[in-house]
PDB file of all heavy atoms in Angstrom:
ATOM      1  N   PHE A   1       5.779 -11.358   7.989  1.00  0.00           N
ATOM      2  CA  PHE A   1       6.561 -10.164   7.660  1.00  0.00           C
ATOM      3  C   PHE A   1       7.423 -10.421   6.418  1.00  0.00           C
ATOM      4  O   PHE A   1       7.521  -9.564   5.541  1.00  0.00           O
ATOM      5  CB  PHE A   1       7.433  -9.729   8.843  1.00  0.00           C
ATOM      6  CG  PHE A   1       8.281  -8.542   8.534  1.00  0.00           C
ATOM      7  CD1 PHE A   1       7.712  -7.293   8.375  1.00  0.00           C
ATOM      8  CD2 PHE A   1       9.647  -8.680   8.371  1.00  0.00           C
ATOM      9  CE1 PHE A   1       8.494  -6.190   8.068  1.00  0.00           C
ATOM     10  CE2 PHE A   1      10.435  -7.587   8.065  1.00  0.00           C
ATOM     11  CZ  PHE A   1       9.856  -6.335   7.918  1.00  0.00           C
ATOM     12  N   LEU A   2       8.033 -11.603   6.352  1.00  0.00           N
ATOM     13  CA  LEU A   2       8.816 -11.956   5.161  1.00  0.00           C
ATOM     14  C   LEU A   2       7.930 -12.040   3.925  1.00  0.00           C
ATOM     15  O   LEU A   2       8.350 -11.696   2.821  1.00  0.00           O
ATOM     16  CB  LEU A   2       9.564 -13.270   5.393  1.00  0.00           C
ATOM     17  CG  LEU A   2      10.673 -13.228   6.437  1.00  0.00           C
ATOM     18  CD1 LEU A   2      11.222 -14.630   6.693  1.00  0.00           C
ATOM     19  CD2 LEU A   2      11.780 -12.277   6.028  1.00  0.00           C
ATOM     20  N   MET A   3       6.687 -12.489   4.097  1.00  0.00           N
ATOM     21  CA  MET A   3       5.743 -12.519   2.969  1.00  0.00           C
ATOM     22  C   MET A   3       5.449 -11.108   2.465  1.00  0.00           C
ATOM     23  O   MET A   3       5.315 -10.894   1.260  1.00  0.00           O
ATOM     24  CB  MET A   3       4.445 -13.198   3.386  1.00  0.00           C
ATOM     25  CG  MET A   3       4.524 -14.671   3.489  1.00  0.00           C
ATOM     26  SD  MET A   3       2.890 -15.302   3.928  1.00  0.00           S
ATOM     27  CE  MET A   3       3.336 -16.871   4.604  1.00  0.00           C
ATOM     28  N   TYR A   4       5.340 -10.173   3.397  1.00  0.00           N
ATOM     29  CA  TYR A   4       5.139  -8.778   3.007  1.00  0.00           C
ATOM     30  C   TYR A   4       6.309  -8.289   2.157  1.00  0.00           C
ATOM     31  O   TYR A   4       6.108  -7.652   1.119  1.00  0.00           O
ATOM     32  CB  TYR A   4       4.966  -7.915   4.261  1.00  0.00           C
ATOM     33  CG  TYR A   4       5.069  -6.443   4.006  1.00  0.00           C
ATOM     34  CD1 TYR A   4       4.018  -5.749   3.407  1.00  0.00           C
ATOM     35  CD2 TYR A   4       6.218  -5.741   4.347  1.00  0.00           C
ATOM     36  CE1 TYR A   4       4.123  -4.387   3.165  1.00  0.00           C
ATOM     37  CE2 TYR A   4       6.324  -4.384   4.101  1.00  0.00           C
ATOM     38  CZ  TYR A   4       5.275  -3.715   3.511  1.00  0.00           C
ATOM     39  OH  TYR A   4       5.378  -2.378   3.264  1.00  0.00           O
ATOM     40  N   LEU A   5       7.528  -8.600   2.586  1.00  0.00           N
ATOM     41  CA  LEU A   5       8.701  -8.228   1.801  1.00  0.00           C
ATOM     42  C   LEU A   5       8.716  -8.950   0.454  1.00  0.00           C
ATOM     43  O   LEU A   5       9.083  -8.359  -0.566  1.00  0.00           O
ATOM     44  CB  LEU A   5       9.984  -8.540   2.576  1.00  0.00           C
ATOM     45  CG  LEU A   5      10.211  -7.757   3.863  1.00  0.00           C
ATOM     46  CD1 LEU A   5      11.460  -8.251   4.566  1.00  0.00           C
ATOM     47  CD2 LEU A   5      10.283  -6.267   3.613  1.00  0.00           C
ATOM     48  N   ASP A   6       8.297 -10.221   0.444  1.00  0.00           N
ATOM     49  CA  ASP A   6       8.223 -10.990  -0.809  1.00  0.00           C
ATOM     50  C   ASP A   6       7.259 -10.352  -1.789  1.00  0.00           C
ATOM     51  O   ASP A   6       7.547 -10.239  -2.980  1.00  0.00           O
ATOM     52  CB  ASP A   6       7.774 -12.424  -0.545  1.00  0.00           C
ATOM     53  CG  ASP A   6       8.837 -13.262   0.124  1.00  0.00           C
ATOM     54  OD1 ASP A   6      10.007 -12.840   0.137  1.00  0.00           O
ATOM     55  OD2 ASP A   6       8.482 -14.336   0.644  1.00  0.00           O
ATOM     56  N   TYR A   7       6.087  -9.970  -1.310  1.00  0.00           N
ATOM     57  CA  TYR A   7       5.083  -9.355  -2.178  1.00  0.00           C
ATOM     58  C   TYR A   7       5.655  -8.093  -2.828  1.00  0.00           C
ATOM     59  O   TYR A   7       5.508  -7.881  -4.033  1.00  0.00           O
ATOM     60  CB  TYR A   7       3.820  -9.022  -1.380  1.00  0.00           C
ATOM     61  CG  TYR A   7       2.833  -8.196  -2.150  1.00  0.00           C
ATOM     62  CD1 TYR A   7       2.023  -8.772  -3.134  1.00  0.00           C
ATOM     63  CD2 TYR A   7       2.720  -6.827  -1.936  1.00  0.00           C
ATOM     64  CE1 TYR A   7       1.139  -8.009  -3.857  1.00  0.00           C
ATOM     65  CE2 TYR A   7       1.835  -6.055  -2.655  1.00  0.00           C
ATOM     66  CZ  TYR A   7       1.042  -6.645  -3.612  1.00  0.00           C
ATOM     67  OH  TYR A   7       0.169  -5.890  -4.333  1.00  0.00           O
ATOM     68  N   ASN A   8       6.301  -7.265  -2.023  1.00  0.00           N
ATOM     69  CA  ASN A   8       6.883  -6.036  -2.564  1.00  0.00           C
ATOM     70  C   ASN A   8       8.030  -6.327  -3.526  1.00  0.00           C
ATOM     71  O   ASN A   8       8.192  -5.634  -4.531  1.00  0.00           O
ATOM     72  CB  ASN A   8       7.358  -5.127  -1.427  1.00  0.00           C
ATOM     73  CG  ASN A   8       6.183  -4.528  -0.688  1.00  0.00           C
ATOM     74  OD1 ASN A   8       5.250  -4.031  -1.291  1.00  0.00           O
ATOM     75  ND2 ASN A   8       6.222  -4.589   0.620  1.00  0.00           N
ATOM     76  N   LEU A   9       8.820  -7.353  -3.249  1.00  0.00           N
ATOM     77  CA  LEU A   9       9.907  -7.729  -4.154  1.00  0.00           C
ATOM     78  C   LEU A   9       9.359  -8.261  -5.472  1.00  0.00           C
ATOM     79  O   LEU A   9       9.865  -7.913  -6.540  1.00  0.00           O
ATOM     80  CB  LEU A   9      10.818  -8.767  -3.498  1.00  0.00           C
ATOM     81  CG  LEU A   9      11.975  -9.261  -4.353  1.00  0.00           C
ATOM     82  CD1 LEU A   9      12.910  -8.114  -4.718  1.00  0.00           C
ATOM     83  CD2 LEU A   9      12.726 -10.366  -3.646  1.00  0.00           C
ATOM     84  N   VAL A  10       8.336  -9.098  -5.404  1.00  0.00           N
ATOM     85  CA  VAL A  10       7.726  -9.623  -6.635  1.00  0.00           C
ATOM     86  C   VAL A  10       7.198  -8.474  -7.479  1.00  0.00           C
ATOM     87  O   VAL A  10       7.416  -8.417  -8.697  1.00  0.00           O
ATOM     88  CB  VAL A  10       6.604 -10.637  -6.302  1.00  0.00           C
ATOM     89  CG1 VAL A  10       5.767 -10.944  -7.524  1.00  0.00           C
ATOM     90  CG2 VAL A  10       7.187 -11.902  -5.724  1.00  0.00           C
ATOM     91  N   TYR A  11       6.513  -7.552  -6.846  1.00  0.00           N
ATOM     92  CA  TYR A  11       5.963  -6.401  -7.568  1.00  0.00           C
ATOM     93  C   TYR A  11       7.080  -5.579  -8.206  1.00  0.00           C
ATOM     94  O   TYR A  11       6.979  -5.163  -9.353  1.00  0.00           O
ATOM     95  CB  TYR A  11       5.133  -5.534  -6.615  1.00  0.00           C
ATOM     96  CG  TYR A  11       4.476  -4.366  -7.275  1.00  0.00           C
ATOM     97  CD1 TYR A  11       3.396  -4.542  -8.134  1.00  0.00           C
ATOM     98  CD2 TYR A  11       4.950  -3.071  -7.062  1.00  0.00           C
ATOM     99  CE1 TYR A  11       2.803  -3.456  -8.760  1.00  0.00           C
ATOM    100  CE2 TYR A  11       4.371  -1.992  -7.669  1.00  0.00           C
ATOM    101  CZ  TYR A  11       3.294  -2.185  -8.524  1.00  0.00           C
ATOM    102  OH  TYR A  11       2.719  -1.119  -9.140  1.00  0.00           O
ATOM    103  N   ALA A  12       8.172  -5.358  -7.461  1.00  0.00           N
ATOM    104  CA  ALA A  12       9.281  -4.558  -7.983  1.00  0.00           C
ATOM    105  C   ALA A  12      10.057  -5.307  -9.061  1.00  0.00           C
ATOM    106  O   ALA A  12      10.486  -4.708 -10.052  1.00  0.00           O
ATOM    107  CB  ALA A  12      10.216  -4.166  -6.844  1.00  0.00           C
ATOM    108  N   ALA A  13      10.251  -6.613  -8.894  1.00  0.00           N
ATOM    109  CA  ALA A  13      11.074  -7.388  -9.824  1.00  0.00           C
ATOM    110  C   ALA A  13      10.388  -7.638 -11.157  1.00  0.00           C
ATOM    111  O   ALA A  13      11.062  -7.903 -12.154  1.00  0.00           O
ATOM    112  CB  ALA A  13      11.469  -8.716  -9.193  1.00  0.00           C
ATOM    113  N   MET A  14       9.077  -7.582 -11.194  1.00  0.00           N
ATOM    114  CA  MET A  14       8.363  -7.894 -12.422  1.00  0.00           C
ATOM    115  C   MET A  14       8.047  -6.660 -13.276  1.00  0.00           C
ATOM    116  O   MET A  14       7.377  -6.770 -14.300  1.00  0.00           O
ATOM    117  CB  MET A  14       7.062  -8.646 -12.101  1.00  0.00           C
ATOM    118  CG  MET A  14       7.311  -9.979 -11.434  1.00  0.00           C
ATOM    119  SD  MET A  14       8.478 -10.984 -12.381  1.00  0.00           S
ATOM    120  CE  MET A  14       9.278 -11.882 -11.104  1.00  0.00           C
ATOM    121  N   LYS A  15       8.524  -5.511 -12.851  1.00  0.00           N
ATOM    122  CA  LYS A  15       8.324  -4.311 -13.664  1.00  0.00           C
ATOM    123  C   LYS A  15       9.184  -4.407 -14.918  1.00  0.00           C
ATOM    124  O   LYS A  15      10.279  -4.967 -14.897  1.00  0.00           O
ATOM    125  CB  LYS A  15       8.720  -3.062 -12.873  1.00  0.00           C
ATOM    126  CG  LYS A  15       7.791  -2.722 -11.748  1.00  0.00           C
ATOM    127  CD  LYS A  15       8.275  -1.470 -11.039  1.00  0.00           C
ATOM    128  CE  LYS A  15       7.408  -1.150  -9.855  1.00  0.00           C
ATOM    129  NZ  LYS A  15       7.957  -0.026  -9.071  1.00  0.00           N
ATOM    130  N   GLU A  16       8.692  -3.825 -15.982  1.00  0.00           N
ATOM    131  CA  GLU A  16       9.449  -3.847 -17.235  1.00  0.00           C
ATOM    132  C   GLU A  16      10.641  -2.908 -17.128  1.00  0.00           C
ATOM    133  O   GLU A  16      10.532  -1.796 -16.613  1.00  0.00           O
ATOM    134  CB  GLU A  16       8.541  -3.410 -18.390  1.00  0.00           C
ATOM    135  CG  GLU A  16       9.162  -3.644 -19.738  1.00  0.00           C
ATOM    136  CD  GLU A  16       8.173  -3.415 -20.858  1.00  0.00           C
ATOM    137  OE1 GLU A  16       6.995  -3.720 -20.678  1.00  0.00           O
ATOM    138  OE2 GLU A  16       8.609  -2.913 -21.891  1.00  0.00           O
ATOM    139  N   GLY A  17      11.786  -3.377 -17.566  1.00  0.00           N
ATOM    140  CA  GLY A  17      12.990  -2.561 -17.549  1.00  0.00           C
ATOM    141  C   GLY A  17      13.625  -2.401 -16.181  1.00  0.00           C
ATOM    142  O   GLY A  17      14.436  -1.513 -15.980  1.00  0.00           O
ATOM    143  N   VAL A  18      13.271  -3.262 -15.255  1.00  0.00           N
ATOM    144  CA  VAL A  18      13.833  -3.161 -13.908  1.00  0.00           C
ATOM    145  C   VAL A  18      15.315  -3.523 -13.939  1.00  0.00           C
ATOM    146  O   VAL A  18      15.745  -4.356 -14.725  1.00  0.00           O
ATOM    147  CB  VAL A  18      13.056  -4.051 -12.905  1.00  0.00           C
ATOM    148  CG1 VAL A  18      13.291  -5.515 -13.181  1.00  0.00           C
ATOM    149  CG2 VAL A  18      13.417  -3.714 -11.478  1.00  0.00           C
ATOM    150  N   ARG A  19      16.079  -2.836 -13.122  1.00  0.00           N
ATOM    151  CA  ARG A  19      17.505  -3.113 -12.992  1.00  0.00           C
ATOM    152  C   ARG A  19      17.781  -3.492 -11.547  1.00  0.00           C
ATOM    153  O   ARG A  19      17.050  -3.127 -10.647  1.00  0.00           O
ATOM    154  CB  ARG A  19      18.341  -1.900 -13.396  1.00  0.00           C
ATOM    155  CG  ARG A  19      18.155  -1.521 -14.868  1.00  0.00           C
ATOM    156  CD  ARG A  19      19.053  -0.382 -15.303  1.00  0.00           C
ATOM    157  NE  ARG A  19      20.440  -0.480 -14.897  1.00  0.00           N
ATOM    158  CZ  ARG A  19      21.377  -1.200 -15.511  1.00  0.00           C
ATOM    159  NH1 ARG A  19      21.059  -1.907 -16.576  1.00  0.00           N
ATOM    160  NH2 ARG A  19      22.618  -1.219 -15.078  1.00  0.00           N
ATOM    161  N   PHE A  20      18.853  -4.226 -11.326  1.00  0.00           N
ATOM    162  CA  PHE A  20      19.199  -4.651  -9.974  1.00  0.00           C
ATOM    163  C   PHE A  20      19.502  -3.454  -9.079  1.00  0.00           C
ATOM    164  O   PHE A  20      19.276  -3.493  -7.881  1.00  0.00           O
ATOM    165  CB  PHE A  20      20.394  -5.605 -10.010  1.00  0.00           C
ATOM    166  CG  PHE A  20      20.737  -6.175  -8.673  1.00  0.00           C
ATOM    167  CD1 PHE A  20      19.935  -7.146  -8.091  1.00  0.00           C
ATOM    168  CD2 PHE A  20      21.850  -5.729  -7.975  1.00  0.00           C
ATOM    169  CE1 PHE A  20      20.238  -7.672  -6.848  1.00  0.00           C
ATOM    170  CE2 PHE A  20      22.169  -6.257  -6.738  1.00  0.00           C
ATOM    171  CZ  PHE A  20      21.360  -7.225  -6.163  1.00  0.00           C
ATOM    172  N   GLU A  21      20.005  -2.384  -9.651  1.00  0.00           N
ATOM    173  CA  GLU A  21      20.355  -1.208  -8.864  1.00  0.00           C
ATOM    174  C   GLU A  21      19.143  -0.356  -8.501  1.00  0.00           C
ATOM    175  O   GLU A  21      19.284   0.622  -7.769  1.00  0.00           O
ATOM    176  CB  GLU A  21      21.374  -0.327  -9.619  1.00  0.00           C
ATOM    177  CG  GLU A  21      22.745  -0.950  -9.738  1.00  0.00           C
ATOM    178  CD  GLU A  21      22.854  -1.932 -10.891  1.00  0.00           C
ATOM    179  OE1 GLU A  21      21.989  -1.924 -11.803  1.00  0.00           O
ATOM    180  OE2 GLU A  21      23.798  -2.735 -10.889  1.00  0.00           O
ATOM    181  N   ASP A  22      17.956  -0.676  -9.000  1.00  0.00           N
ATOM    182  CA  ASP A  22      16.764   0.108  -8.681  1.00  0.00           C
ATOM    183  C   ASP A  22      16.507   0.101  -7.176  1.00  0.00           C
ATOM    184  O   ASP A  22      16.793  -0.870  -6.480  1.00  0.00           O
ATOM    185  CB  ASP A  22      15.538  -0.439  -9.411  1.00  0.00           C
ATOM    186  CG  ASP A  22      15.579  -0.153 -10.901  1.00  0.00           C
ATOM    187  OD1 ASP A  22      16.451   0.625 -11.335  1.00  0.00           O
ATOM    188  OD2 ASP A  22      14.747  -0.720 -11.626  1.00  0.00           O
ATOM    189  N   HIS A  23      15.944   1.201  -6.707  1.00  0.00           N
ATOM    190  CA  HIS A  23      15.717   1.392  -5.272  1.00  0.00           C
ATOM    191  C   HIS A  23      14.860   0.280  -4.661  1.00  0.00           C
ATOM    192  O   HIS A  23      15.189  -0.236  -3.589  1.00  0.00           O
ATOM    193  CB  HIS A  23      15.055   2.756  -5.032  1.00  0.00           C
ATOM    194  CG  HIS A  23      14.633   2.961  -3.619  1.00  0.00           C
ATOM    195  ND1 HIS A  23      15.539   3.160  -2.596  1.00  0.00           N
ATOM    196  CD2 HIS A  23      13.404   2.954  -3.043  1.00  0.00           C
ATOM    197  CE1 HIS A  23      14.889   3.291  -1.459  1.00  0.00           C
ATOM    198  NE2 HIS A  23      13.596   3.178  -1.699  1.00  0.00           N
ATOM    199  N   ASP A  24      13.773  -0.106  -5.338  1.00  0.00           N
ATOM    200  CA  ASP A  24      12.875  -1.130  -4.774  1.00  0.00           C
ATOM    201  C   ASP A  24      13.555  -2.484  -4.658  1.00  0.00           C
ATOM    202  O   ASP A  24      13.360  -3.195  -3.674  1.00  0.00           O
ATOM    203  CB  ASP A  24      11.604  -1.260  -5.619  1.00  0.00           C
ATOM    204  CG  ASP A  24      10.668  -0.078  -5.432  1.00  0.00           C
ATOM    205  OD1 ASP A  24      10.846   0.658  -4.432  1.00  0.00           O
ATOM    206  OD2 ASP A  24       9.768   0.110  -6.267  1.00  0.00           O
ATOM    207  N   ILE A  25      14.352  -2.851  -5.668  1.00  0.00           N
ATOM    208  CA  ILE A  25      15.070  -4.128  -5.610  1.00  0.00           C
ATOM    209  C   ILE A  25      16.062  -4.110  -4.455  1.00  0.00           C
ATOM    210  O   ILE A  25      16.165  -5.060  -3.686  1.00  0.00           O
ATOM    211  CB  ILE A  25      15.786  -4.429  -6.946  1.00  0.00           C
ATOM    212  CG1 ILE A  25      14.785  -4.542  -8.089  1.00  0.00           C
ATOM    213  CG2 ILE A  25      16.636  -5.695  -6.836  1.00  0.00           C
ATOM    214  CD1 ILE A  25      13.850  -5.710  -8.011  1.00  0.00           C
ATOM    215  N   GLN A  26      16.793  -3.021  -4.342  1.00  0.00           N
ATOM    216  CA  GLN A  26      17.759  -2.905  -3.253  1.00  0.00           C
ATOM    217  C   GLN A  26      17.064  -2.942  -1.893  1.00  0.00           C
ATOM    218  O   GLN A  26      17.537  -3.598  -0.966  1.00  0.00           O
ATOM    219  CB  GLN A  26      18.560  -1.598  -3.384  1.00  0.00           C
ATOM    220  CG  GLN A  26      19.436  -1.539  -4.616  1.00  0.00           C
ATOM    221  CD  GLN A  26      20.570  -2.540  -4.562  1.00  0.00           C
ATOM    222  OE1 GLN A  26      21.267  -2.628  -3.579  1.00  0.00           O
ATOM    223  NE2 GLN A  26      20.739  -3.299  -5.631  1.00  0.00           N
ATOM    224  N   LYS A  27      15.939  -2.277  -1.804  1.00  0.00           N
ATOM    225  CA  LYS A  27      15.221  -2.198  -0.518  1.00  0.00           C
ATOM    226  C   LYS A  27      14.673  -3.558  -0.102  1.00  0.00           C
ATOM    227  O   LYS A  27      14.828  -3.970   1.044  1.00  0.00           O
ATOM    228  CB  LYS A  27      14.091  -1.176  -0.637  1.00  0.00           C
ATOM    229  CG  LYS A  27      13.273  -1.007   0.612  1.00  0.00           C
ATOM    230  CD  LYS A  27      12.189   0.031   0.407  1.00  0.00           C
ATOM    231  CE  LYS A  27      11.300   0.151   1.613  1.00  0.00           C
ATOM    232  NZ  LYS A  27      10.194   1.086   1.383  1.00  0.00           N
ATOM    233  N   TYR A  28      14.043  -4.266  -1.028  1.00  0.00           N
ATOM    234  CA  TYR A  28      13.350  -5.499  -0.649  1.00  0.00           C
ATOM    235  C   TYR A  28      14.193  -6.755  -0.810  1.00  0.00           C
ATOM    236  O   TYR A  28      13.889  -7.771  -0.197  1.00  0.00           O
ATOM    237  CB  TYR A  28      12.044  -5.646  -1.430  1.00  0.00           C
ATOM    238  CG  TYR A  28      11.064  -4.569  -1.073  1.00  0.00           C
ATOM    239  CD1 TYR A  28      10.659  -3.619  -1.989  1.00  0.00           C
ATOM    240  CD2 TYR A  28      10.557  -4.485   0.215  1.00  0.00           C
ATOM    241  CE1 TYR A  28       9.765  -2.633  -1.655  1.00  0.00           C
ATOM    242  CE2 TYR A  28       9.674  -3.489   0.559  1.00  0.00           C
ATOM    243  CZ  TYR A  28       9.283  -2.561  -0.378  1.00  0.00           C
ATOM    244  OH  TYR A  28       8.410  -1.574  -0.029  1.00  0.00           O
ATOM    245  N   PHE A  29      15.228  -6.730  -1.618  1.00  0.00           N
ATOM    246  CA  PHE A  29      16.084  -7.908  -1.759  1.00  0.00           C
ATOM    247  C   PHE A  29      17.312  -7.798  -0.865  1.00  0.00           C
ATOM    248  O   PHE A  29      17.511  -8.612   0.032  1.00  0.00           O
ATOM    249  CB  PHE A  29      16.492  -8.111  -3.225  1.00  0.00           C
ATOM    250  CG  PHE A  29      17.305  -9.351  -3.444  1.00  0.00           C
ATOM    251  CD1 PHE A  29      16.706 -10.597  -3.390  1.00  0.00           C
ATOM    252  CD2 PHE A  29      18.665  -9.287  -3.689  1.00  0.00           C
ATOM    253  CE1 PHE A  29      17.456 -11.754  -3.579  1.00  0.00           C
ATOM    254  CE2 PHE A  29      19.419 -10.425  -3.888  1.00  0.00           C
ATOM    255  CZ  PHE A  29      18.806 -11.665  -3.821  1.00  0.00           C
ATOM    256  N   ILE A  30      18.126  -6.793  -1.101  1.00  0.00           N
ATOM    257  CA  ILE A  30      19.328  -6.616  -0.286  1.00  0.00           C
ATOM    258  C   ILE A  30      18.935  -6.297   1.155  1.00  0.00           C
ATOM    259  O   ILE A  30      19.515  -6.830   2.103  1.00  0.00           O
ATOM    260  CB  ILE A  30      20.242  -5.507  -0.870  1.00  0.00           C
ATOM    261  CG1 ILE A  30      20.622  -5.815  -2.310  1.00  0.00           C
ATOM    262  CG2 ILE A  30      21.468  -5.307   0.003  1.00  0.00           C
ATOM    263  CD1 ILE A  30      21.495  -7.016  -2.492  1.00  0.00           C
ATOM    264  N   GLY A  31      17.950  -5.442   1.329  1.00  0.00           N
ATOM    265  CA  GLY A  31      17.501  -5.075   2.674  1.00  0.00           C
ATOM    266  C   GLY A  31      16.984  -6.263   3.465  1.00  0.00           C
ATOM    267  O   GLY A  31      17.152  -6.334   4.681  1.00  0.00           O
ATOM    268  N   ARG A  32      16.371  -7.198   2.780  1.00  0.00           N
ATOM    269  CA  ARG A  32      15.863  -8.409   3.449  1.00  0.00           C
ATOM    270  C   ARG A  32      17.007  -9.198   4.082  1.00  0.00           C
ATOM    271  O   ARG A  32      16.886  -9.709   5.188  1.00  0.00           O
ATOM    272  CB  ARG A  32      15.113  -9.272   2.440  1.00  0.00           C
ATOM    273  CG  ARG A  32      14.637 -10.576   2.999  1.00  0.00           C
ATOM    274  CD  ARG A  32      14.056 -11.434   1.883  1.00  0.00           C
ATOM    275  NE  ARG A  32      13.733 -12.744   2.386  1.00  0.00           N
ATOM    276  CZ  ARG A  32      12.512 -13.254   2.399  1.00  0.00           C
ATOM    277  NH1 ARG A  32      11.517 -12.563   1.958  1.00  0.00           N
ATOM    278  NH2 ARG A  32      12.303 -14.445   2.871  1.00  0.00           N
ATOM    279  N   PHE A  33      18.120  -9.290   3.387  1.00  0.00           N
ATOM    280  CA  PHE A  33      19.254 -10.041   3.908  1.00  0.00           C
ATOM    281  C   PHE A  33      20.090  -9.205   4.882  1.00  0.00           C
ATOM    282  O   PHE A  33      20.647  -9.742   5.834  1.00  0.00           O
ATOM    283  CB  PHE A  33      20.130 -10.561   2.766  1.00  0.00           C
ATOM    284  CG  PHE A  33      19.442 -11.609   1.967  1.00  0.00           C
ATOM    285  CD1 PHE A  33      18.851 -11.309   0.754  1.00  0.00           C
ATOM    286  CD2 PHE A  33      19.360 -12.917   2.431  1.00  0.00           C
ATOM    287  CE1 PHE A  33      18.207 -12.278   0.013  1.00  0.00           C
ATOM    288  CE2 PHE A  33      18.714 -13.890   1.697  1.00  0.00           C
ATOM    289  CZ  PHE A  33      18.134 -13.571   0.486  1.00  0.00           C
ATOM    290  N   ALA A  34      20.189  -7.909   4.637  1.00  0.00           N
ATOM    291  CA  ALA A  34      21.019  -7.066   5.495  1.00  0.00           C
ATOM    292  C   ALA A  34      20.339  -6.803   6.838  1.00  0.00           C
ATOM    293  O   ALA A  34      20.955  -6.929   7.889  1.00  0.00           O
ATOM    294  CB  ALA A  34      21.320  -5.747   4.789  1.00  0.00           C
ATOM    295  N   LYS A  35      19.059  -6.453   6.807  1.00  0.00           N
ATOM    296  CA  LYS A  35      18.355  -6.077   8.039  1.00  0.00           C
ATOM    297  C   LYS A  35      17.634  -7.248   8.691  1.00  0.00           C
ATOM    298  O   LYS A  35      17.551  -7.328   9.911  1.00  0.00           O
ATOM    299  CB  LYS A  35      17.335  -4.974   7.749  1.00  0.00           C
ATOM    300  CG  LYS A  35      17.931  -3.674   7.327  1.00  0.00           C
ATOM    301  CD  LYS A  35      16.837  -2.668   7.039  1.00  0.00           C
ATOM    302  CE  LYS A  35      17.413  -1.382   6.486  1.00  0.00           C
ATOM    303  NZ  LYS A  35      16.356  -0.442   6.113  1.00  0.00           N
ATOM    304  N   TYR A  36      17.063  -8.108   7.865  1.00  0.00           N
ATOM    305  CA  TYR A  36      16.198  -9.164   8.397  1.00  0.00           C
ATOM    306  C   TYR A  36      16.719 -10.552   8.078  1.00  0.00           C
ATOM    307  O   TYR A  36      15.954 -11.510   8.005  1.00  0.00           O
ATOM    308  CB  TYR A  36      14.782  -9.009   7.847  1.00  0.00           C
ATOM    309  CG  TYR A  36      14.246  -7.610   7.986  1.00  0.00           C
ATOM    310  CD1 TYR A  36      14.044  -6.797   6.880  1.00  0.00           C
ATOM    311  CD2 TYR A  36      13.976  -7.092   9.243  1.00  0.00           C
ATOM    312  CE1 TYR A  36      13.559  -5.513   7.009  1.00  0.00           C
ATOM    313  CE2 TYR A  36      13.505  -5.806   9.381  1.00  0.00           C
ATOM    314  CZ  TYR A  36      13.294  -5.018   8.265  1.00  0.00           C
ATOM    315  OH  TYR A  36      12.836  -3.744   8.411  1.00  0.00           O
ATOM    316  N   GLY A  37      18.009 -10.681   7.871  1.00  0.00           N
ATOM    317  CA  GLY A  37      18.614 -11.964   7.515  1.00  0.00           C
ATOM    318  C   GLY A  37      18.464 -13.025   8.589  1.00  0.00           C
ATOM    319  O   GLY A  37      18.548 -14.221   8.300  1.00  0.00           O
ATOM    320  N   PHE A  38      18.210 -12.634   9.810  1.00  0.00           N
ATOM    321  CA  PHE A  38      18.058 -13.594  10.903  1.00  0.00           C
ATOM    322  C   PHE A  38      16.673 -14.234  10.934  1.00  0.00           C
ATOM    323  O   PHE A  38      16.492 -15.283  11.554  1.00  0.00           O
ATOM    324  CB  PHE A  38      18.328 -12.906  12.256  1.00  0.00           C
ATOM    325  CG  PHE A  38      17.324 -11.843  12.593  1.00  0.00           C
ATOM    326  CD1 PHE A  38      16.228 -12.139  13.381  1.00  0.00           C
ATOM    327  CD2 PHE A  38      17.471 -10.545  12.111  1.00  0.00           C
ATOM    328  CE1 PHE A  38      15.286 -11.162  13.696  1.00  0.00           C
ATOM    329  CE2 PHE A  38      16.541  -9.566  12.424  1.00  0.00           C
ATOM    330  CZ  PHE A  38      15.454  -9.875  13.214  1.00  0.00           C
ATOM    331  N   LEU A  39      15.690 -13.631  10.273  1.00  0.00           N
ATOM    332  CA  LEU A  39      14.320 -14.147  10.356  1.00  0.00           C
ATOM    333  C   LEU A  39      14.138 -15.471   9.625  1.00  0.00           C
ATOM    334  O   LEU A  39      13.513 -16.393  10.152  1.00  0.00           O
ATOM    335  CB  LEU A  39      13.325 -13.120   9.809  1.00  0.00           C
ATOM    336  CG  LEU A  39      13.120 -11.873  10.655  1.00  0.00           C
ATOM    337  CD1 LEU A  39      12.158 -10.921   9.958  1.00  0.00           C
ATOM    338  CD2 LEU A  39      12.622 -12.227  12.034  1.00  0.00           C
ATOM    339  N   GLU A  40      14.640 -15.561   8.405  1.00  0.00           N
ATOM    340  CA  GLU A  40      14.451 -16.786   7.614  1.00  0.00           C
ATOM    341  C   GLU A  40      15.071 -18.008   8.291  1.00  0.00           C
ATOM    342  O   GLU A  40      14.409 -19.040   8.407  1.00  0.00           O
ATOM    343  CB  GLU A  40      15.009 -16.601   6.201  1.00  0.00           C
ATOM    344  CG  GLU A  40      14.695 -17.738   5.264  1.00  0.00           C
ATOM    345  CD  GLU A  40      13.278 -17.698   4.723  1.00  0.00           C
ATOM    346  OE1 GLU A  40      12.697 -16.615   4.645  1.00  0.00           O
ATOM    347  OE2 GLU A  40      12.752 -18.768   4.378  1.00  0.00           O
ATOM    348  N   PRO A  41      16.318 -17.943   8.767  1.00  0.00           N
ATOM    349  CA  PRO A  41      16.854 -19.114   9.474  1.00  0.00           C
ATOM    350  C   PRO A  41      16.079 -19.447  10.753  1.00  0.00           C
ATOM    351  O   PRO A  41      15.925 -20.614  11.098  1.00  0.00           O
ATOM    352  CB  PRO A  41      18.299 -18.719   9.800  1.00  0.00           C
ATOM    353  CG  PRO A  41      18.639 -17.670   8.811  1.00  0.00           C
ATOM    354  CD  PRO A  41      17.370 -16.939   8.527  1.00  0.00           C
ATOM    355  N   MET A  42      15.585 -18.424  11.427  1.00  0.00           N
ATOM    356  CA  MET A  42      14.805 -18.661  12.643  1.00  0.00           C
ATOM    357  C   MET A  42      13.518 -19.427  12.312  1.00  0.00           C
ATOM    358  O   MET A  42      13.159 -20.394  12.987  1.00  0.00           O
ATOM    359  CB  MET A  42      14.467 -17.323  13.317  1.00  0.00           C
ATOM    360  CG  MET A  42      13.756 -17.456  14.637  1.00  0.00           C
ATOM    361  SD  MET A  42      13.538 -15.868  15.450  1.00  0.00           S
ATOM    362  CE  MET A  42      12.335 -15.077  14.393  1.00  0.00           C
ATOM    363  N   VAL A  43      12.835 -19.010  11.268  1.00  0.00           N
ATOM    364  CA  VAL A  43      11.606 -19.689  10.849  1.00  0.00           C
ATOM    365  C   VAL A  43      11.928 -21.104  10.374  1.00  0.00           C
ATOM    366  O   VAL A  43      11.201 -22.054  10.679  1.00  0.00           O
ATOM    367  CB  VAL A  43      10.889 -18.872   9.746  1.00  0.00           C
ATOM    368  CG1 VAL A  43       9.750 -19.648   9.134  1.00  0.00           C
ATOM    369  CG2 VAL A  43      10.388 -17.553  10.309  1.00  0.00           C
TER     370      VAL A  43
END
């Protein structure tokens, strides 16, 4: 599941002209830590 989020983050982060405030960055980066922050330490 974290790999799925990683794939989407990589795709969003490598777009030209991307900003940190963009919806995809917020969804897959901030959302990963806010909603799913417990998964990485568990793994």
